[in-house]
Amino acid sequence: MIKHIVMFKFKRFAESNDKLGNTHLLKSYLEALPAKINEIKFFQVGVNFSEATVAYDLVLISEFFSKEALSSYQQHPDHIKVADFVGKVCESRVVVDYVV
């Protein structure tokens, strides 16, 4: 089993939305992916409430049966659309992939 965790930090303003608006947009885009991508075995998206300066704004925790399934997910056209949005609205993101 592969665990895939991504944390997103948003720009203050991008794509005609403020940080909170884009946070909720990305949350909804991500939450739509499990219905479209069969390789996803577990998917959880959370909006951060901590005001710590080191905190990120949104987290994705997902699981896949194999590295190949994770790769297939990452190459799926619907994931690529979401990734394009991330590139426009996020100032940074961090990723951890590991075997469970």
PDB file of N, CA and C in Angstrom:
ATOM      1  N   MET A   1       0.855  -1.179   0.000  1.00  0.00           N
ATOM      2  CA  MET A   1       0.000   0.000   0.000  1.00  0.00           C
ATOM      3  C   MET A   1       0.892   1.231   0.000  1.00  0.00           C
ATOM      4  N   ILE A   2       0.511   2.230  -0.792  1.00  0.00           N
ATOM      5  CA  ILE A   2       1.249   3.492  -0.898  1.00  0.00           C
ATOM      6  C   ILE A   2       0.412   4.606  -0.285  1.00  0.00           C
ATOM      7  N   LYS A   3       1.011   5.371   0.594  1.00  0.00           N
ATOM      8  CA  LYS A   3       0.375   6.557   1.167  1.00  0.00           C
ATOM      9  C   LYS A   3       0.963   7.765   0.443  1.00  0.00           C
ATOM     10  N   HIS A   4       0.073   8.650  -0.012  1.00  0.00           N
ATOM     11  CA  HIS A   4       0.448   9.862  -0.771  1.00  0.00           C
ATOM     12  C   HIS A   4      -0.146  11.053  -0.023  1.00  0.00           C
ATOM     13  N   ILE A   5       0.718  11.900   0.525  1.00  0.00           N
ATOM     14  CA  ILE A   5       0.278  13.063   1.292  1.00  0.00           C
ATOM     15  C   ILE A   5       0.813  14.322   0.616  1.00  0.00           C
ATOM     16  N   VAL A   6      -0.085  15.279   0.407  1.00  0.00           N
ATOM     17  CA  VAL A   6       0.294  16.552  -0.209  1.00  0.00           C
ATOM     18  C   VAL A   6      -0.280  17.682   0.639  1.00  0.00           C
ATOM     19  N   MET A   7       0.552  18.672   0.940  1.00  0.00           N
ATOM     20  CA  MET A   7       0.093  19.865   1.644  1.00  0.00           C
ATOM     21  C   MET A   7       0.270  21.065   0.717  1.00  0.00           C
ATOM     22  N   PHE A   8      -0.732  21.934   0.710  1.00  0.00           N
ATOM     23  CA  PHE A   8      -0.781  23.065  -0.207  1.00  0.00           C
ATOM     24  C   PHE A   8      -0.803  24.382   0.568  1.00  0.00           C
ATOM     25  N   LYS A   9      -0.004  25.348   0.102  1.00  0.00           N
ATOM     26  CA  LYS A   9      -0.032  26.707   0.643  1.00  0.00           C
ATOM     27  C   LYS A   9      -0.450  27.623  -0.507  1.00  0.00           C
ATOM     28  N   PHE A  10      -1.520  28.371  -0.294  1.00  0.00           N
ATOM     29  CA  PHE A  10      -2.112  29.175  -1.353  1.00  0.00           C
ATOM     30  C   PHE A  10      -1.576  30.596  -1.400  1.00  0.00           C
ATOM     31  N   LYS A  11      -1.595  31.165  -2.599  1.00  0.00           N
ATOM     32  CA  LYS A  11      -1.304  32.588  -2.778  1.00  0.00           C
ATOM     33  C   LYS A  11      -2.438  33.389  -2.143  1.00  0.00           C
ATOM     34  N   ARG A  12      -2.156  34.602  -1.741  1.00  0.00           N
ATOM     35  CA  ARG A  12      -3.182  35.452  -1.123  1.00  0.00           C
ATOM     36  C   ARG A  12      -4.340  35.722  -2.089  1.00  0.00           C
ATOM     37  N   PHE A  13      -4.006  35.830  -3.382  1.00  0.00           N
ATOM     38  CA  PHE A  13      -5.016  36.093  -4.402  1.00  0.00           C
ATOM     39  C   PHE A  13      -4.531  35.514  -5.726  1.00  0.00           C
ATOM     40  N   ALA A  14      -5.393  34.775  -6.409  1.00  0.00           N
ATOM     41  CA  ALA A  14      -5.052  34.195  -7.721  1.00  0.00           C
ATOM     42  C   ALA A  14      -6.326  33.756  -8.416  1.00  0.00           C
ATOM     43  N   GLU A  15      -6.323  33.839  -9.735  1.00  0.00           N
ATOM     44  CA  GLU A  15      -7.454  33.363 -10.537  1.00  0.00           C
ATOM     45  C   GLU A  15      -8.784  33.983 -10.074  1.00  0.00           C
ATOM     46  N   SER A  16      -8.749  35.267  -9.751  1.00  0.00           N
ATOM     47  CA  SER A  16      -9.939  36.038  -9.353  1.00  0.00           C
ATOM     48  C   SER A  16     -10.532  35.612  -8.004  1.00  0.00           C
ATOM     49  N   ASN A  17      -9.783  34.886  -7.194  1.00  0.00           N
ATOM     50  CA  ASN A  17     -10.266  34.458  -5.883  1.00  0.00           C
ATOM     51  C   ASN A  17      -9.221  34.745  -4.813  1.00  0.00           C
ATOM     52  N   ASP A  18      -9.710  34.934  -3.591  1.00  0.00           N
ATOM     53  CA  ASP A  18      -8.783  35.046  -2.473  1.00  0.00           C
ATOM     54  C   ASP A  18      -8.353  33.656  -2.035  1.00  0.00           C
ATOM     55  N   LYS A  19      -7.450  33.627  -1.063  1.00  0.00           N
ATOM     56  CA  LYS A  19      -6.881  32.372  -0.566  1.00  0.00           C
ATOM     57  C   LYS A  19      -7.961  31.383  -0.115  1.00  0.00           C
ATOM     58  N   LEU A  20      -8.912  31.841   0.678  1.00  0.00           N
ATOM     59  CA  LEU A  20      -9.955  30.949   1.188  1.00  0.00           C
ATOM     60  C   LEU A  20     -10.833  30.410   0.059  1.00  0.00           C
ATOM     61  N   GLY A  21     -11.168  31.267  -0.896  1.00  0.00           N
ATOM     62  CA  GLY A  21     -11.976  30.827  -2.028  1.00  0.00           C
ATOM     63  C   GLY A  21     -11.276  29.737  -2.829  1.00  0.00           C
ATOM     64  N   ASN A  22      -9.985  29.931  -3.096  1.00  0.00           N
ATOM     65  CA  ASN A  22      -9.237  28.925  -3.852  1.00  0.00           C
ATOM     66  C   ASN A  22      -9.015  27.652  -3.038  1.00  0.00           C
ATOM     67  N   THR A  23      -8.886  27.789  -1.720  1.00  0.00           N
ATOM     68  CA  THR A  23      -8.763  26.612  -0.869  1.00  0.00           C
ATOM     69  C   THR A  23     -10.002  25.732  -1.009  1.00  0.00           C
ATOM     70  N   HIS A  24     -11.162  26.341  -0.940  1.00  0.00           N
ATOM     71  CA  HIS A  24     -12.405  25.567  -1.037  1.00  0.00           C
ATOM     72  C   HIS A  24     -12.648  25.055  -2.455  1.00  0.00           C
ATOM     73  N   LEU A  25     -12.220  25.815  -3.458  1.00  0.00           N
ATOM     74  CA  LEU A  25     -12.320  25.317  -4.840  1.00  0.00           C
ATOM     75  C   LEU A  25     -11.467  24.068  -5.018  1.00  0.00           C
ATOM     76  N   LEU A  26     -10.210  24.132  -4.567  1.00  0.00           N
ATOM     77  CA  LEU A  26      -9.342  22.969  -4.721  1.00  0.00           C
ATOM     78  C   LEU A  26      -9.887  21.779  -3.938  1.00  0.00           C
ATOM     79  N   LYS A  27     -10.403  22.023  -2.763  1.00  0.00           N
ATOM     80  CA  LYS A  27     -10.996  20.941  -1.973  1.00  0.00           C
ATOM     81  C   LYS A  27     -12.098  20.246  -2.773  1.00  0.00           C
ATOM     82  N   SER A  28     -12.964  21.019  -3.389  1.00  0.00           N
ATOM     83  CA  SER A  28     -14.057  20.417  -4.166  1.00  0.00           C
ATOM     84  C   SER A  28     -13.530  19.696  -5.409  1.00  0.00           C
ATOM     85  N   TYR A  29     -12.530  20.260  -6.073  1.00  0.00           N
ATOM     86  CA  TYR A  29     -11.947  19.590  -7.246  1.00  0.00           C
ATOM     87  C   TYR A  29     -11.320  18.257  -6.842  1.00  0.00           C
ATOM     88  N   LEU A  30     -10.575  18.262  -5.739  1.00  0.00           N
ATOM     89  CA  LEU A  30      -9.941  17.026  -5.277  1.00  0.00           C
ATOM     90  C   LEU A  30     -10.975  15.985  -4.878  1.00  0.00           C
ATOM     91  N   GLU A  31     -12.000  16.413  -4.150  1.00  0.00           N
ATOM     92  CA  GLU A  31     -13.006  15.466  -3.673  1.00  0.00           C
ATOM     93  C   GLU A  31     -13.806  14.832  -4.814  1.00  0.00           C
ATOM     94  N   ALA A  32     -13.776  15.417  -5.986  1.00  0.00           N
ATOM     95  CA  ALA A  32     -14.459  14.842  -7.147  1.00  0.00           C
ATOM     96  C   ALA A  32     -13.632  13.732  -7.812  1.00  0.00           C
ATOM     97  N   LEU A  33     -12.335  13.664  -7.519  1.00  0.00           N
ATOM     98  CA  LEU A  33     -11.466  12.717  -8.214  1.00  0.00           C
ATOM     99  C   LEU A  33     -11.756  11.236  -7.923  1.00  0.00           C
ATOM    100  N   PRO A  34     -12.065  10.823  -6.703  1.00  0.00           N
ATOM    101  CA  PRO A  34     -12.297   9.389  -6.485  1.00  0.00           C
ATOM    102  C   PRO A  34     -13.405   8.785  -7.347  1.00  0.00           C
ATOM    103  N   ALA A  35     -14.393   9.559  -7.707  1.00  0.00           N
ATOM    104  CA  ALA A  35     -15.465   9.044  -8.568  1.00  0.00           C
ATOM    105  C   ALA A  35     -15.000   8.885 -10.019  1.00  0.00           C
ATOM    106  N   LYS A  36     -13.867   9.496 -10.357  1.00  0.00           N
ATOM    107  CA  LYS A  36     -13.372   9.479 -11.732  1.00  0.00           C
ATOM    108  C   LYS A  36     -12.139   8.610 -11.936  1.00  0.00           C
ATOM    109  N   ILE A  37     -11.415   8.311 -10.843  1.00  0.00           N
ATOM    110  CA  ILE A  37     -10.131   7.613 -10.967  1.00  0.00           C
ATOM    111  C   ILE A  37     -10.162   6.349 -10.100  1.00  0.00           C
ATOM    112  N   ASN A  38     -10.213   5.208 -10.752  1.00  0.00           N
ATOM    113  CA  ASN A  38     -10.367   3.928 -10.056  1.00  0.00           C
ATOM    114  C   ASN A  38      -9.183   3.553  -9.174  1.00  0.00           C
ATOM    115  N   GLU A  39      -8.000   4.058  -9.474  1.00  0.00           N
ATOM    116  CA  GLU A  39      -6.808   3.673  -8.710  1.00  0.00           C
ATOM    117  C   GLU A  39      -6.831   4.178  -7.270  1.00  0.00           C
ATOM    118  N   ILE A  40      -7.670   5.159  -6.987  1.00  0.00           N
ATOM    119  CA  ILE A  40      -7.737   5.737  -5.635  1.00  0.00           C
ATOM    120  C   ILE A  40      -8.431   4.751  -4.700  1.00  0.00           C
ATOM    121  N   LYS A  41      -7.767   4.393  -3.598  1.00  0.00           N
ATOM    122  CA  LYS A  41      -8.349   3.470  -2.616  1.00  0.00           C
ATOM    123  C   LYS A  41      -8.819   4.211  -1.368  1.00  0.00           C
ATOM    124  N   PHE A  42      -8.192   5.317  -1.037  1.00  0.00           N
ATOM    125  CA  PHE A  42      -8.602   6.156   0.091  1.00  0.00           C
ATOM    126  C   PHE A  42      -8.253   7.587  -0.263  1.00  0.00           C
ATOM    127  N   PHE A  43      -9.132   8.512   0.114  1.00  0.00           N
ATOM    128  CA  PHE A  43      -8.929   9.915  -0.257  1.00  0.00           C
ATOM    129  C   PHE A  43      -9.567  10.794   0.794  1.00  0.00           C
ATOM    130  N   GLN A  44      -8.779  11.666   1.399  1.00  0.00           N
ATOM    131  CA  GLN A  44      -9.287  12.580   2.418  1.00  0.00           C
ATOM    132  C   GLN A  44      -8.653  13.941   2.200  1.00  0.00           C
ATOM    133  N   VAL A  45      -9.487  14.978   2.211  1.00  0.00           N
ATOM    134  CA  VAL A  45      -9.018  16.350   2.013  1.00  0.00           C
ATOM    135  C   VAL A  45      -9.451  17.173   3.217  1.00  0.00           C
ATOM    136  N   GLY A  46      -8.514  17.932   3.791  1.00  0.00           N
ATOM    137  CA  GLY A  46      -8.839  18.739   4.964  1.00  0.00           C
ATOM    138  C   GLY A  46      -8.337  20.158   4.838  1.00  0.00           C
ATOM    139  N   VAL A  47      -9.153  21.103   5.317  1.00  0.00           N
ATOM    140  CA  VAL A  47      -8.784  22.520   5.354  1.00  0.00           C
ATOM    141  C   VAL A  47      -8.219  22.828   6.731  1.00  0.00           C
ATOM    142  N   ASN A  48      -7.051  23.417   6.770  1.00  0.00           N
ATOM    143  CA  ASN A  48      -6.370  23.748   8.009  1.00  0.00           C
ATOM    144  C   ASN A  48      -7.076  24.880   8.759  1.00  0.00           C
ATOM    145  N   PHE A  49      -7.097  24.782  10.090  1.00  0.00           N
ATOM    146  CA  PHE A  49      -7.634  25.875  10.897  1.00  0.00           C
ATOM    147  C   PHE A  49      -6.559  26.526  11.770  1.00  0.00           C
ATOM    148  N   SER A  50      -5.361  25.963  11.778  1.00  0.00           N
ATOM    149  CA  SER A  50      -4.273  26.520  12.576  1.00  0.00           C
ATOM    150  C   SER A  50      -3.794  27.835  11.974  1.00  0.00           C
ATOM    151  N   GLU A  51      -3.501  28.788  12.819  1.00  0.00           N
ATOM    152  CA  GLU A  51      -2.984  30.084  12.360  1.00  0.00           C
ATOM    153  C   GLU A  51      -1.469  30.182  12.491  1.00  0.00           C
ATOM    154  N   ALA A  52      -0.806  29.065  12.769  1.00  0.00           N
ATOM    155  CA  ALA A  52       0.653  29.053  12.888  1.00  0.00           C
ATOM    156  C   ALA A  52       1.293  29.489  11.579  1.00  0.00           C
ATOM    157  N   THR A  53       2.370  30.238  11.650  1.00  0.00           N
ATOM    158  CA  THR A  53       3.018  30.745  10.434  1.00  0.00           C
ATOM    159  C   THR A  53       3.587  29.623   9.570  1.00  0.00           C
ATOM    160  N   VAL A  54       3.871  28.476  10.166  1.00  0.00           N
ATOM    161  CA  VAL A  54       4.421  27.356   9.399  1.00  0.00           C
ATOM    162  C   VAL A  54       3.335  26.445   8.832  1.00  0.00           C
ATOM    163  N   ALA A  55       2.079  26.736   9.128  1.00  0.00           N
ATOM    164  CA  ALA A  55       0.972  25.866   8.705  1.00  0.00           C
ATOM    165  C   ALA A  55       0.706  26.001   7.210  1.00  0.00           C
ATOM    166  N   TYR A  56       0.313  24.883   6.619  1.00  0.00           N
ATOM    167  CA  TYR A  56      -0.170  24.879   5.241  1.00  0.00           C
ATOM    168  C   TYR A  56      -1.690  25.005   5.273  1.00  0.00           C
ATOM    169  N   ASP A  57      -2.297  25.296   4.119  1.00  0.00           N
ATOM    170  CA  ASP A  57      -3.723  25.620   4.062  1.00  0.00           C
ATOM    171  C   ASP A  57      -4.633  24.415   3.833  1.00  0.00           C
ATOM    172  N   LEU A  58      -4.138  23.413   3.127  1.00  0.00           N
ATOM    173  CA  LEU A  58      -4.970  22.266   2.741  1.00  0.00           C
ATOM    174  C   LEU A  58      -4.084  21.025   2.718  1.00  0.00           C
ATOM    175  N   VAL A  59      -4.656  19.892   3.087  1.00  0.00           N
ATOM    176  CA  VAL A  59      -3.907  18.639   3.025  1.00  0.00           C
ATOM    177  C   VAL A  59      -4.730  17.589   2.282  1.00  0.00           C
ATOM    178  N   LEU A  60      -4.038  16.777   1.520  1.00  0.00           N
ATOM    179  CA  LEU A  60      -4.619  15.615   0.849  1.00  0.00           C
ATOM    180  C   LEU A  60      -3.911  14.387   1.381  1.00  0.00           C
ATOM    181  N   ILE A  61      -4.684  13.429   1.871  1.00  0.00           N
ATOM    182  CA  ILE A  61      -4.141  12.146   2.303  1.00  0.00           C
ATOM    183  C   ILE A  61      -4.831  11.083   1.453  1.00  0.00           C
ATOM    184  N   SER A  62      -4.043  10.318   0.720  1.00  0.00           N
ATOM    185  CA  SER A  62      -4.635   9.309  -0.158  1.00  0.00           C
ATOM    186  C   SER A  62      -3.812   8.027  -0.109  1.00  0.00           C
ATOM    187  N   GLU A  63      -4.458   6.942  -0.547  1.00  0.00           N
ATOM    188  CA  GLU A  63      -3.793   5.641  -0.582  1.00  0.00           C
ATOM    189  C   GLU A  63      -4.051   4.947  -1.914  1.00  0.00           C
ATOM    190  N   PHE A  64      -3.018   4.194  -2.320  1.00  0.00           N
ATOM    191  CA  PHE A  64      -3.054   3.441  -3.568  1.00  0.00           C
ATOM    192  C   PHE A  64      -2.444   2.070  -3.306  1.00  0.00           C
ATOM    193  N   PHE A  65      -2.852   1.070  -4.071  1.00  0.00           N
ATOM    194  CA  PHE A  65      -2.348  -0.277  -3.852  1.00  0.00           C
ATOM    195  C   PHE A  65      -0.889  -0.452  -4.264  1.00  0.00           C
ATOM    196  N   SER A  66      -0.391   0.405  -5.174  1.00  0.00           N
ATOM    197  CA  SER A  66       0.976   0.234  -5.669  1.00  0.00           C
ATOM    198  C   SER A  66       1.520   1.561  -6.186  1.00  0.00           C
ATOM    199  N   LYS A  67       2.833   1.583  -6.408  1.00  0.00           N
ATOM    200  CA  LYS A  67       3.463   2.761  -7.010  1.00  0.00           C
ATOM    201  C   LYS A  67       2.913   2.983  -8.415  1.00  0.00           C
ATOM    202  N   GLU A  68       2.631   1.893  -9.105  1.00  0.00           N
ATOM    203  CA  GLU A  68       2.074   2.002 -10.463  1.00  0.00           C
ATOM    204  C   GLU A  68       0.685   2.637 -10.432  1.00  0.00           C
ATOM    205  N   ALA A  69      -0.118   2.295  -9.448  1.00  0.00           N
ATOM    206  CA  ALA A  69      -1.451   2.897  -9.313  1.00  0.00           C
ATOM    207  C   ALA A  69      -1.341   4.389  -9.013  1.00  0.00           C
ATOM    208  N   LEU A  70      -0.386   4.764  -8.156  1.00  0.00           N
ATOM    209  CA  LEU A  70      -0.152   6.183  -7.872  1.00  0.00           C
ATOM    210  C   LEU A  70       0.264   6.913  -9.146  1.00  0.00           C
ATOM    211  N   SER A  71       1.151   6.324  -9.899  1.00  0.00           N
ATOM    212  CA  SER A  71       1.606   6.928 -11.154  1.00  0.00           C
ATOM    213  C   SER A  71       0.451   7.087 -12.139  1.00  0.00           C
ATOM    214  N   SER A  72      -0.400   6.080 -12.235  1.00  0.00           N
ATOM    215  CA  SER A  72      -1.555   6.141 -13.121  1.00  0.00           C
ATOM    216  C   SER A  72      -2.490   7.278 -12.701  1.00  0.00           C
ATOM    217  N   TYR A  73      -2.721   7.405 -11.403  1.00  0.00           N
ATOM    218  CA  TYR A  73      -3.532   8.512 -10.860  1.00  0.00           C
ATOM    219  C   TYR A  73      -2.934   9.859 -11.258  1.00  0.00           C
ATOM    220  N   GLN A  74      -1.622   9.994 -11.096  1.00  0.00           N
ATOM    221  CA  GLN A  74      -0.961  11.270 -11.381  1.00  0.00           C
ATOM    222  C   GLN A  74      -1.002  11.625 -12.866  1.00  0.00           C
ATOM    223  N   GLN A  75      -1.116  10.633 -13.723  1.00  0.00           N
ATOM    224  CA  GLN A  75      -1.156  10.867 -15.169  1.00  0.00           C
ATOM    225  C   GLN A  75      -2.579  10.946 -15.718  1.00  0.00           C
ATOM    226  N   HIS A  76      -3.560  10.712 -14.878  1.00  0.00           N
ATOM    227  CA  HIS A  76      -4.962  10.739 -15.313  1.00  0.00           C
ATOM    228  C   HIS A  76      -5.339  12.167 -15.729  1.00  0.00           C
ATOM    229  N   PRO A  77      -6.059  12.333 -16.832  1.00  0.00           N
ATOM    230  CA  PRO A  77      -6.429  13.676 -17.311  1.00  0.00           C
ATOM    231  C   PRO A  77      -7.167  14.532 -16.280  1.00  0.00           C
ATOM    232  N   ASP A  78      -8.012  13.927 -15.465  1.00  0.00           N
ATOM    233  CA  ASP A  78      -8.727  14.713 -14.452  1.00  0.00           C
ATOM    234  C   ASP A  78      -7.785  15.197 -13.347  1.00  0.00           C
ATOM    235  N   HIS A  79      -6.800  14.382 -12.997  1.00  0.00           N
ATOM    236  CA  HIS A  79      -5.794  14.821 -12.026  1.00  0.00           C
ATOM    237  C   HIS A  79      -4.949  15.938 -12.616  1.00  0.00           C
ATOM    238  N   ILE A  80      -4.596  15.816 -13.872  1.00  0.00           N
ATOM    239  CA  ILE A  80      -3.771  16.837 -14.526  1.00  0.00           C
ATOM    240  C   ILE A  80      -4.490  18.189 -14.535  1.00  0.00           C
ATOM    241  N   LYS A  81      -5.792  18.196 -14.751  1.00  0.00           N
ATOM    242  CA  LYS A  81      -6.569  19.450 -14.695  1.00  0.00           C
ATOM    243  C   LYS A  81      -6.478  20.086 -13.314  1.00  0.00           C
ATOM    244  N   VAL A  82      -6.597  19.265 -12.279  1.00  0.00           N
ATOM    245  CA  VAL A  82      -6.496  19.778 -10.910  1.00  0.00           C
ATOM    246  C   VAL A  82      -5.075  20.293 -10.658  1.00  0.00           C
ATOM    247  N   ALA A  83      -4.070  19.563 -11.118  1.00  0.00           N
ATOM    248  CA  ALA A  83      -2.683  19.981 -10.943  1.00  0.00           C
ATOM    249  C   ALA A  83      -2.412  21.313 -11.638  1.00  0.00           C
ATOM    250  N   ASP A  84      -3.025  21.536 -12.778  1.00  0.00           N
ATOM    251  CA  ASP A  84      -2.881  22.820 -13.472  1.00  0.00           C
ATOM    252  C   ASP A  84      -3.439  23.955 -12.619  1.00  0.00           C
ATOM    253  N   PHE A  85      -4.595  23.729 -11.981  1.00  0.00           N
ATOM    254  CA  PHE A  85      -5.180  24.722 -11.087  1.00  0.00           C
ATOM    255  C   PHE A  85      -4.245  24.986  -9.902  1.00  0.00           C
ATOM    256  N   VAL A  86      -3.690  23.930  -9.342  1.00  0.00           N
ATOM    257  CA  VAL A  86      -2.752  24.062  -8.227  1.00  0.00           C
ATOM    258  C   VAL A  86      -1.585  24.964  -8.617  1.00  0.00           C
ATOM    259  N   GLY A  87      -1.062  24.776  -9.813  1.00  0.00           N
ATOM    260  CA  GLY A  87       0.057  25.587 -10.286  1.00  0.00           C
ATOM    261  C   GLY A  87      -0.263  27.066 -10.367  1.00  0.00           C
ATOM    262  N   LYS A  88      -1.511  27.380 -10.572  1.00  0.00           N
ATOM    263  CA  LYS A  88      -1.927  28.785 -10.687  1.00  0.00           C
ATOM    264  C   LYS A  88      -2.220  29.435  -9.339  1.00  0.00           C
ATOM    265  N   VAL A  89      -2.708  28.665  -8.366  1.00  0.00           N
ATOM    266  CA  VAL A  89      -3.208  29.266  -7.124  1.00  0.00           C
ATOM    267  C   VAL A  89      -2.338  28.999  -5.894  1.00  0.00           C
ATOM    268  N   CYS A  90      -1.390  28.099  -5.991  1.00  0.00           N
ATOM    269  CA  CYS A  90      -0.568  27.763  -4.826  1.00  0.00           C
ATOM    270  C   CYS A  90       0.820  28.368  -4.935  1.00  0.00           C
ATOM    271  N   GLU A  91       1.303  28.857  -3.797  1.00  0.00           N
ATOM    272  CA  GLU A  91       2.673  29.364  -3.772  1.00  0.00           C
ATOM    273  C   GLU A  91       3.665  28.248  -3.485  1.00  0.00           C
ATOM    274  N   SER A  92       3.202  27.183  -2.815  1.00  0.00           N
ATOM    275  CA  SER A  92       4.069  26.030  -2.580  1.00  0.00           C
ATOM    276  C   SER A  92       3.233  24.806  -2.216  1.00  0.00           C
ATOM    277  N   ARG A  93       3.877  23.665  -2.327  1.00  0.00           N
ATOM    278  CA  ARG A  93       3.265  22.417  -1.889  1.00  0.00           C
ATOM    279  C   ARG A  93       4.387  21.484  -1.508  1.00  0.00           C
ATOM    280  N   VAL A  94       4.094  20.562  -0.608  1.00  0.00           N
ATOM    281  CA  VAL A  94       5.059  19.537  -0.216  1.00  0.00           C
ATOM    282  C   VAL A  94       4.382  18.181  -0.343  1.00  0.00           C
ATOM    283  N   VAL A  95       5.173  17.189  -0.695  1.00  0.00           N
ATOM    284  CA  VAL A  95       4.646  15.854  -0.961  1.00  0.00           C
ATOM    285  C   VAL A  95       5.473  14.824  -0.217  1.00  0.00           C
ATOM    286  N   VAL A  96       4.794  13.814   0.328  1.00  0.00           N
ATOM    287  CA  VAL A  96       5.457  12.647   0.884  1.00  0.00           C
ATOM    288  C   VAL A  96       4.722  11.423   0.360  1.00  0.00           C
ATOM    289  N   ASP A  97       5.463  10.500  -0.235  1.00  0.00           N
ATOM    290  CA  ASP A  97       4.950   9.210  -0.686  1.00  0.00           C
ATOM    291  C   ASP A  97       5.729   8.130   0.034  1.00  0.00           C
ATOM    292  N   TYR A  98       5.033   7.171   0.634  1.00  0.00           N
ATOM    293  CA  TYR A  98       5.740   6.114   1.330  1.00  0.00           C
ATOM    294  C   TYR A  98       4.932   4.821   1.325  1.00  0.00           C
ATOM    295  N   VAL A  99       5.629   3.724   1.582  1.00  0.00           N
ATOM    296  CA  VAL A  99       5.020   2.404   1.618  1.00  0.00           C
ATOM    297  C   VAL A  99       4.489   2.159   3.041  1.00  0.00           C
ATOM    298  N   VAL A 100       3.253   1.697   3.110  1.00  0.00           N
ATOM    299  CA  VAL A 100       2.641   1.379   4.411  1.00  0.00           C
ATOM    300  C   VAL A 100       2.813  -0.101   4.675  1.00  0.00           C
TER     301      VAL A 100
END
